Amino acid sequence: MSKRFLITGGAGFLGINLARHLLERGHSVTSLDIAPFDYPDVIGRVSAIKGDIRNRRVVDIAMQRVDIVVHT
């Protein structure tokens, strides 16, 4: 059963590698990071939100329709 993941720090080393792993297993992935999300191999398959985890409004938007949150 596929799940919807939110990865905070998704543009970092751990985050992007976790995203790739989850995508290979059929899950959907959203990345929340203050850094630019620039990974051509997953563009279009990862929903990237550029924002600061300290901003409650950004986190509320990112948390919509998410099953699991992974903080990297």
PDB file of N, CA and C in Angstrom:
ATOM      1  N   MET A   1       0.846  -1.184   0.000  1.00  0.00           N
ATOM      2  CA  MET A   1       0.000   0.000   0.000  1.00  0.00           C
ATOM      3  C   MET A   1       0.885   1.239   0.000  1.00  0.00           C
ATOM      4  N   SER A   2       0.680   2.109  -0.970  1.00  0.00           N
ATOM      5  CA  SER A   2       1.526   3.301  -1.054  1.00  0.00           C
ATOM      6  C   SER A   2       1.093   4.343  -0.028  1.00  0.00           C
ATOM      7  N   LYS A   3       2.073   5.069   0.462  1.00  0.00           N
ATOM      8  CA  LYS A   3       1.860   6.129   1.451  1.00  0.00           C
ATOM      9  C   LYS A   3       2.328   7.456   0.870  1.00  0.00           C
ATOM     10  N   ARG A   4       1.868   8.531   1.502  1.00  0.00           N
ATOM     11  CA  ARG A   4       2.274   9.886   1.115  1.00  0.00           C
ATOM     12  C   ARG A   4       3.250  10.404   2.171  1.00  0.00           C
ATOM     13  N   PHE A   5       4.493  10.621   1.759  1.00  0.00           N
ATOM     14  CA  PHE A   5       5.557  11.037   2.664  1.00  0.00           C
ATOM     15  C   PHE A   5       5.862  12.517   2.499  1.00  0.00           C
ATOM     16  N   LEU A   6       6.126  13.180   3.622  1.00  0.00           N
ATOM     17  CA  LEU A   6       6.699  14.522   3.631  1.00  0.00           C
ATOM     18  C   LEU A   6       8.100  14.380   4.196  1.00  0.00           C
ATOM     19  N   ILE A   7       9.096  14.836   3.442  1.00  0.00           N
ATOM     20  CA  ILE A   7      10.480  14.796   3.907  1.00  0.00           C
ATOM     21  C   ILE A   7      10.939  16.222   4.139  1.00  0.00           C
ATOM     22  N   THR A   8      11.183  16.568   5.408  1.00  0.00           N
ATOM     23  CA  THR A   8      11.766  17.877   5.684  1.00  0.00           C
ATOM     24  C   THR A   8      13.261  17.748   5.434  1.00  0.00           C
ATOM     25  N   GLY A   9      13.839  18.750   4.832  1.00  0.00           N
ATOM     26  CA  GLY A   9      15.237  18.638   4.425  1.00  0.00           C
ATOM     27  C   GLY A   9      15.383  17.773   3.185  1.00  0.00           C
ATOM     28  N   GLY A  10      14.329  17.732   2.380  1.00  0.00           N
ATOM     29  CA  GLY A  10      14.302  16.862   1.211  1.00  0.00           C
ATOM     30  C   GLY A  10      15.313  17.190   0.134  1.00  0.00           C
ATOM     31  N   ALA A  11      15.894  18.384   0.163  1.00  0.00           N
ATOM     32  CA  ALA A  11      16.894  18.752  -0.838  1.00  0.00           C
ATOM     33  C   ALA A  11      18.311  18.410  -0.390  1.00  0.00           C
ATOM     34  N   GLY A  12      18.443  17.890   0.825  1.00  0.00           N
ATOM     35  CA  GLY A  12      19.762  17.508   1.324  1.00  0.00           C
ATOM     36  C   GLY A  12      20.129  16.083   0.934  1.00  0.00           C
ATOM     37  N   PHE A  13      21.313  15.655   1.318  1.00  0.00           N
ATOM     38  CA  PHE A  13      21.830  14.339   0.952  1.00  0.00           C
ATOM     39  C   PHE A  13      20.915  13.209   1.426  1.00  0.00           C
ATOM     40  N   LEU A  14      20.566  13.219   2.703  1.00  0.00           N
ATOM     41  CA  LEU A  14      19.691  12.159   3.222  1.00  0.00           C
ATOM     42  C   LEU A  14      18.303  12.242   2.612  1.00  0.00           C
ATOM     43  N   GLY A  15      17.778  13.454   2.528  1.00  0.00           N
ATOM     44  CA  GLY A  15      16.421  13.639   2.030  1.00  0.00           C
ATOM     45  C   GLY A  15      16.227  13.169   0.604  1.00  0.00           C
ATOM     46  N   ILE A  16      17.126  13.534  -0.304  1.00  0.00           N
ATOM     47  CA  ILE A  16      16.953  13.147  -1.703  1.00  0.00           C
ATOM     48  C   ILE A  16      17.140  11.648  -1.888  1.00  0.00           C
ATOM     49  N   ASN A  17      18.063  11.057  -1.148  1.00  0.00           N
ATOM     50  CA  ASN A  17      18.251   9.612  -1.276  1.00  0.00           C
ATOM     51  C   ASN A  17      17.073   8.841  -0.697  1.00  0.00           C
ATOM     52  N   LEU A  18      16.490   9.342   0.381  1.00  0.00           N
ATOM     53  CA  LEU A  18      15.271   8.726   0.906  1.00  0.00           C
ATOM     54  C   LEU A  18      14.135   8.887  -0.093  1.00  0.00           C
ATOM     55  N   ALA A  19      14.014  10.053  -0.695  1.00  0.00           N
ATOM     56  CA  ALA A  19      12.963  10.289  -1.694  1.00  0.00           C
ATOM     57  C   ALA A  19      13.086   9.306  -2.847  1.00  0.00           C
ATOM     58  N   ARG A  20      14.284   9.117  -3.357  1.00  0.00           N
ATOM     59  CA  ARG A  20      14.496   8.163  -4.458  1.00  0.00           C
ATOM     60  C   ARG A  20      14.086   6.751  -4.043  1.00  0.00           C
ATOM     61  N   HIS A  21      14.468   6.361  -2.851  1.00  0.00           N
ATOM     62  CA  HIS A  21      14.127   5.037  -2.320  1.00  0.00           C
ATOM     63  C   HIS A  21      12.605   4.861  -2.235  1.00  0.00           C
ATOM     64  N   LEU A  22      11.930   5.864  -1.709  1.00  0.00           N
ATOM     65  CA  LEU A  22      10.473   5.786  -1.562  1.00  0.00           C
ATOM     66  C   LEU A  22       9.772   5.770  -2.913  1.00  0.00           C
ATOM     67  N   LEU A  23      10.244   6.578  -3.851  1.00  0.00           N
ATOM     68  CA  LEU A  23       9.655   6.596  -5.192  1.00  0.00           C
ATOM     69  C   LEU A  23       9.787   5.235  -5.867  1.00  0.00           C
ATOM     70  N   GLU A  24      10.935   4.590  -5.703  1.00  0.00           N
ATOM     71  CA  GLU A  24      11.146   3.262  -6.290  1.00  0.00           C
ATOM     72  C   GLU A  24      10.154   2.240  -5.748  1.00  0.00           C
ATOM     73  N   ARG A  25       9.648   2.484  -4.559  1.00  0.00           N
ATOM     74  CA  ARG A  25       8.704   1.575  -3.920  1.00  0.00           C
ATOM     75  C   ARG A  25       7.250   2.006  -4.093  1.00  0.00           C
ATOM     76  N   GLY A  26       7.036   3.010  -4.939  1.00  0.00           N
ATOM     77  CA  GLY A  26       5.682   3.400  -5.297  1.00  0.00           C
ATOM     78  C   GLY A  26       5.001   4.408  -4.398  1.00  0.00           C
ATOM     79  N   HIS A  27       5.744   5.019  -3.491  1.00  0.00           N
ATOM     80  CA  HIS A  27       5.163   6.016  -2.596  1.00  0.00           C
ATOM     81  C   HIS A  27       5.198   7.393  -3.252  1.00  0.00           C
ATOM     82  N   SER A  28       4.370   8.298  -2.751  1.00  0.00           N
ATOM     83  CA  SER A  28       4.431   9.684  -3.214  1.00  0.00           C
ATOM     84  C   SER A  28       5.231  10.491  -2.191  1.00  0.00           C
ATOM     85  N   VAL A  29       5.956  11.486  -2.689  1.00  0.00           N
ATOM     86  CA  VAL A  29       6.901  12.222  -1.848  1.00  0.00           C
ATOM     87  C   VAL A  29       6.738  13.719  -2.052  1.00  0.00           C
ATOM     88  N   THR A  30       6.715  14.437  -0.928  1.00  0.00           N
ATOM     89  CA  THR A  30       6.788  15.890  -0.920  1.00  0.00           C
ATOM     90  C   THR A  30       8.038  16.274  -0.147  1.00  0.00           C
ATOM     91  N   SER A  31       8.794  17.209  -0.686  1.00  0.00           N
ATOM     92  CA  SER A  31       9.996  17.717  -0.033  1.00  0.00           C
ATOM     93  C   SER A  31       9.714  19.120   0.482  1.00  0.00           C
ATOM     94  N   LEU A  32      10.107  19.373   1.719  1.00  0.00           N
ATOM     95  CA  LEU A  32      10.045  20.724   2.287  1.00  0.00           C
ATOM     96  C   LEU A  32      11.462  21.113   2.678  1.00  0.00           C
ATOM     97  N   ASP A  33      11.977  22.142   2.045  1.00  0.00           N
ATOM     98  CA  ASP A  33      13.353  22.549   2.324  1.00  0.00           C
ATOM     99  C   ASP A  33      13.524  24.020   1.977  1.00  0.00           C
ATOM    100  N   ILE A  34      14.393  24.676   2.705  1.00  0.00           N
ATOM    101  CA  ILE A  34      14.716  26.067   2.411  1.00  0.00           C
ATOM    102  C   ILE A  34      15.684  26.155   1.227  1.00  0.00           C
ATOM    103  N   ALA A  35      16.420  25.077   0.993  1.00  0.00           N
ATOM    104  CA  ALA A  35      17.371  25.023  -0.129  1.00  0.00           C
ATOM    105  C   ALA A  35      16.628  24.690  -1.421  1.00  0.00           C
ATOM    106  N   PRO A  36      17.175  25.092  -2.552  1.00  0.00           N
ATOM    107  CA  PRO A  36      16.542  24.758  -3.839  1.00  0.00           C
ATOM    108  C   PRO A  36      16.534  23.249  -4.074  1.00  0.00           C
ATOM    109  N   PHE A  37      15.461  22.749  -4.664  1.00  0.00           N
ATOM    110  CA  PHE A  37      15.339  21.328  -4.998  1.00  0.00           C
ATOM    111  C   PHE A  37      15.711  21.177  -6.465  1.00  0.00           C
ATOM    112  N   ASP A  38      16.929  20.724  -6.714  1.00  0.00           N
ATOM    113  CA  ASP A  38      17.453  20.681  -8.081  1.00  0.00           C
ATOM    114  C   ASP A  38      17.986  19.286  -8.404  1.00  0.00           C
ATOM    115  N   TYR A  39      17.071  18.345  -8.569  1.00  0.00           N
ATOM    116  CA  TYR A  39      17.428  16.962  -8.872  1.00  0.00           C
ATOM    117  C   TYR A  39      16.643  16.521 -10.101  1.00  0.00           C
ATOM    118  N   PRO A  40      17.239  16.664 -11.291  1.00  0.00           N
ATOM    119  CA  PRO A  40      16.520  16.381 -12.545  1.00  0.00           C
ATOM    120  C   PRO A  40      15.923  14.981 -12.622  1.00  0.00           C
ATOM    121  N   ASP A  41      16.549  14.007 -11.957  1.00  0.00           N
ATOM    122  CA  ASP A  41      16.049  12.635 -12.058  1.00  0.00           C
ATOM    123  C   ASP A  41      14.707  12.422 -11.362  1.00  0.00           C
ATOM    124  N   VAL A  42      14.315  13.328 -10.473  1.00  0.00           N
ATOM    125  CA  VAL A  42      13.037  13.154  -9.779  1.00  0.00           C
ATOM    126  C   VAL A  42      12.075  14.328  -9.963  1.00  0.00           C
ATOM    127  N   ILE A  43      12.494  15.348 -10.723  1.00  0.00           N
ATOM    128  CA  ILE A  43      11.587  16.474 -10.976  1.00  0.00           C
ATOM    129  C   ILE A  43      10.338  15.942 -11.673  1.00  0.00           C
ATOM    130  N   GLY A  44       9.211  16.362 -11.200  1.00  0.00           N
ATOM    131  CA  GLY A  44       7.945  15.872 -11.729  1.00  0.00           C
ATOM    132  C   GLY A  44       7.400  14.693 -10.945  1.00  0.00           C
ATOM    133  N   ARG A  45       8.268  14.053 -10.158  1.00  0.00           N
ATOM    134  CA  ARG A  45       7.816  12.933  -9.331  1.00  0.00           C
ATOM    135  C   ARG A  45       7.815  13.290  -7.851  1.00  0.00           C
ATOM    136  N   VAL A  46       8.515  14.350  -7.485  1.00  0.00           N
ATOM    137  CA  VAL A  46       8.535  14.842  -6.109  1.00  0.00           C
ATOM    138  C   VAL A  46       7.907  16.221  -6.106  1.00  0.00           C
ATOM    139  N   SER A  47       6.977  16.429  -5.196  1.00  0.00           N
ATOM    140  CA  SER A  47       6.391  17.752  -5.020  1.00  0.00           C
ATOM    141  C   SER A  47       7.313  18.535  -4.088  1.00  0.00           C
ATOM    142  N   ALA A  48       7.946  19.577  -4.599  1.00  0.00           N
ATOM    143  CA  ALA A  48       8.924  20.337  -3.819  1.00  0.00           C
ATOM    144  C   ALA A  48       8.318  21.647  -3.334  1.00  0.00           C
ATOM    145  N   ILE A  49       8.383  21.839  -2.030  1.00  0.00           N
ATOM    146  CA  ILE A  49       7.933  23.086  -1.413  1.00  0.00           C
ATOM    147  C   ILE A  49       9.164  23.777  -0.851  1.00  0.00           C
ATOM    148  N   LYS A  50       9.424  24.993  -1.318  1.00  0.00           N
ATOM    149  CA  LYS A  50      10.556  25.764  -0.802  1.00  0.00           C
ATOM    150  C   LYS A  50      10.049  26.601   0.357  1.00  0.00           C
ATOM    151  N   GLY A  51      10.560  26.305   1.537  1.00  0.00           N
ATOM    152  CA  GLY A  51      10.124  27.036   2.707  1.00  0.00           C
ATOM    153  C   GLY A  51      10.894  26.620   3.941  1.00  0.00           C
ATOM    154  N   ASP A  52      10.698  27.382   4.993  1.00  0.00           N
ATOM    155  CA  ASP A  52      11.401  27.185   6.253  1.00  0.00           C
ATOM    156  C   ASP A  52      10.508  26.416   7.218  1.00  0.00           C
ATOM    157  N   ILE A  53      11.023  25.347   7.787  1.00  0.00           N
ATOM    158  CA  ILE A  53      10.249  24.523   8.721  1.00  0.00           C
ATOM    159  C   ILE A  53       9.846  25.316   9.970  1.00  0.00           C
ATOM    160  N   ARG A  54      10.504  26.426  10.226  1.00  0.00           N
ATOM    161  CA  ARG A  54      10.139  27.257  11.377  1.00  0.00           C
ATOM    162  C   ARG A  54       8.916  28.125  11.109  1.00  0.00           C
ATOM    163  N   ASN A  55       8.450  28.143   9.866  1.00  0.00           N
ATOM    164  CA  ASN A  55       7.279  28.926   9.482  1.00  0.00           C
ATOM    165  C   ASN A  55       6.045  28.028   9.555  1.00  0.00           C
ATOM    166  N   ARG A  56       5.205  28.256  10.533  1.00  0.00           N
ATOM    167  CA  ARG A  56       4.041  27.398  10.783  1.00  0.00           C
ATOM    168  C   ARG A  56       3.119  27.312   9.564  1.00  0.00           C
ATOM    169  N   ARG A  57       2.918  28.420   8.877  1.00  0.00           N
ATOM    170  CA  ARG A  57       2.039  28.432   7.697  1.00  0.00           C
ATOM    171  C   ARG A  57       2.568  27.498   6.604  1.00  0.00           C
ATOM    172  N   VAL A  58       3.865  27.541   6.367  1.00  0.00           N
ATOM    173  CA  VAL A  58       4.482  26.673   5.363  1.00  0.00           C
ATOM    174  C   VAL A  58       4.326  25.205   5.766  1.00  0.00           C
ATOM    175  N   VAL A  59       4.544  24.912   7.031  1.00  0.00           N
ATOM    176  CA  VAL A  59       4.412  23.531   7.517  1.00  0.00           C
ATOM    177  C   VAL A  59       2.969  23.056   7.387  1.00  0.00           C
ATOM    178  N   ASP A  60       2.010  23.900   7.724  1.00  0.00           N
ATOM    179  CA  ASP A  60       0.598  23.523   7.585  1.00  0.00           C
ATOM    180  C   ASP A  60       0.260  23.177   6.134  1.00  0.00           C
ATOM    181  N   ILE A  61       0.770  23.952   5.200  1.00  0.00           N
ATOM    182  CA  ILE A  61       0.534  23.671   3.777  1.00  0.00           C
ATOM    183  C   ILE A  61       1.183  22.348   3.385  1.00  0.00           C
ATOM    184  N   ALA A  62       2.420  22.147   3.813  1.00  0.00           N
ATOM    185  CA  ALA A  62       3.153  20.927   3.457  1.00  0.00           C
ATOM    186  C   ALA A  62       2.514  19.677   4.061  1.00  0.00           C
ATOM    187  N   MET A  63       1.864  19.812   5.208  1.00  0.00           N
ATOM    188  CA  MET A  63       1.293  18.665   5.922  1.00  0.00           C
ATOM    189  C   MET A  63      -0.047  18.185   5.354  1.00  0.00           C
ATOM    190  N   GLN A  64      -0.608  18.912   4.422  1.00  0.00           N
ATOM    191  CA  GLN A  64      -1.898  18.511   3.866  1.00  0.00           C
ATOM    192  C   GLN A  64      -1.772  17.180   3.142  1.00  0.00           C
ATOM    193  N   ARG A  65      -2.665  16.270   3.465  1.00  0.00           N
ATOM    194  CA  ARG A  65      -2.740  14.954   2.816  1.00  0.00           C
ATOM    195  C   ARG A  65      -1.423  14.185   2.889  1.00  0.00           C
ATOM    196  N   VAL A  66      -0.821  14.148   4.077  1.00  0.00           N
ATOM    197  CA  VAL A  66       0.426  13.415   4.308  1.00  0.00           C
ATOM    198  C   VAL A  66       0.152  12.304   5.314  1.00  0.00           C
ATOM    199  N   ASP A  67       0.713  11.126   5.046  1.00  0.00           N
ATOM    200  CA  ASP A  67       0.576  10.006   5.979  1.00  0.00           C
ATOM    201  C   ASP A  67       1.743   9.927   6.957  1.00  0.00           C
ATOM    202  N   ILE A  68       2.952  10.206   6.462  1.00  0.00           N
ATOM    203  CA  ILE A  68       4.162  10.017   7.259  1.00  0.00           C
ATOM    204  C   ILE A  68       5.095  11.203   7.038  1.00  0.00           C
ATOM    205  N   VAL A  69       5.676  11.704   8.135  1.00  0.00           N
ATOM    206  CA  VAL A  69       6.662  12.784   8.062  1.00  0.00           C
ATOM    207  C   VAL A  69       8.017  12.223   8.482  1.00  0.00           C
ATOM    208  N   VAL A  70       9.043  12.520   7.684  1.00  0.00           N
ATOM    209  CA  VAL A  70      10.415  12.139   8.026  1.00  0.00           C
ATOM    210  C   VAL A  70      11.237  13.418   8.065  1.00  0.00           C
ATOM    211  N   HIS A  71      11.847  13.680   9.212  1.00  0.00           N
ATOM    212  CA  HIS A  71      12.659  14.887   9.389  1.00  0.00           C
ATOM    213  C   HIS A  71      14.122  14.506   9.197  1.00  0.00           C
ATOM    214  N   THR A  72      14.733  15.012   8.103  1.00  0.00           N
ATOM    215  CA  THR A  72      16.132  14.629   7.834  1.00  0.00           C
ATOM    216  C   THR A  72      17.074  15.781   8.063  1.00  0.00           C
TER     217      THR A  72
END
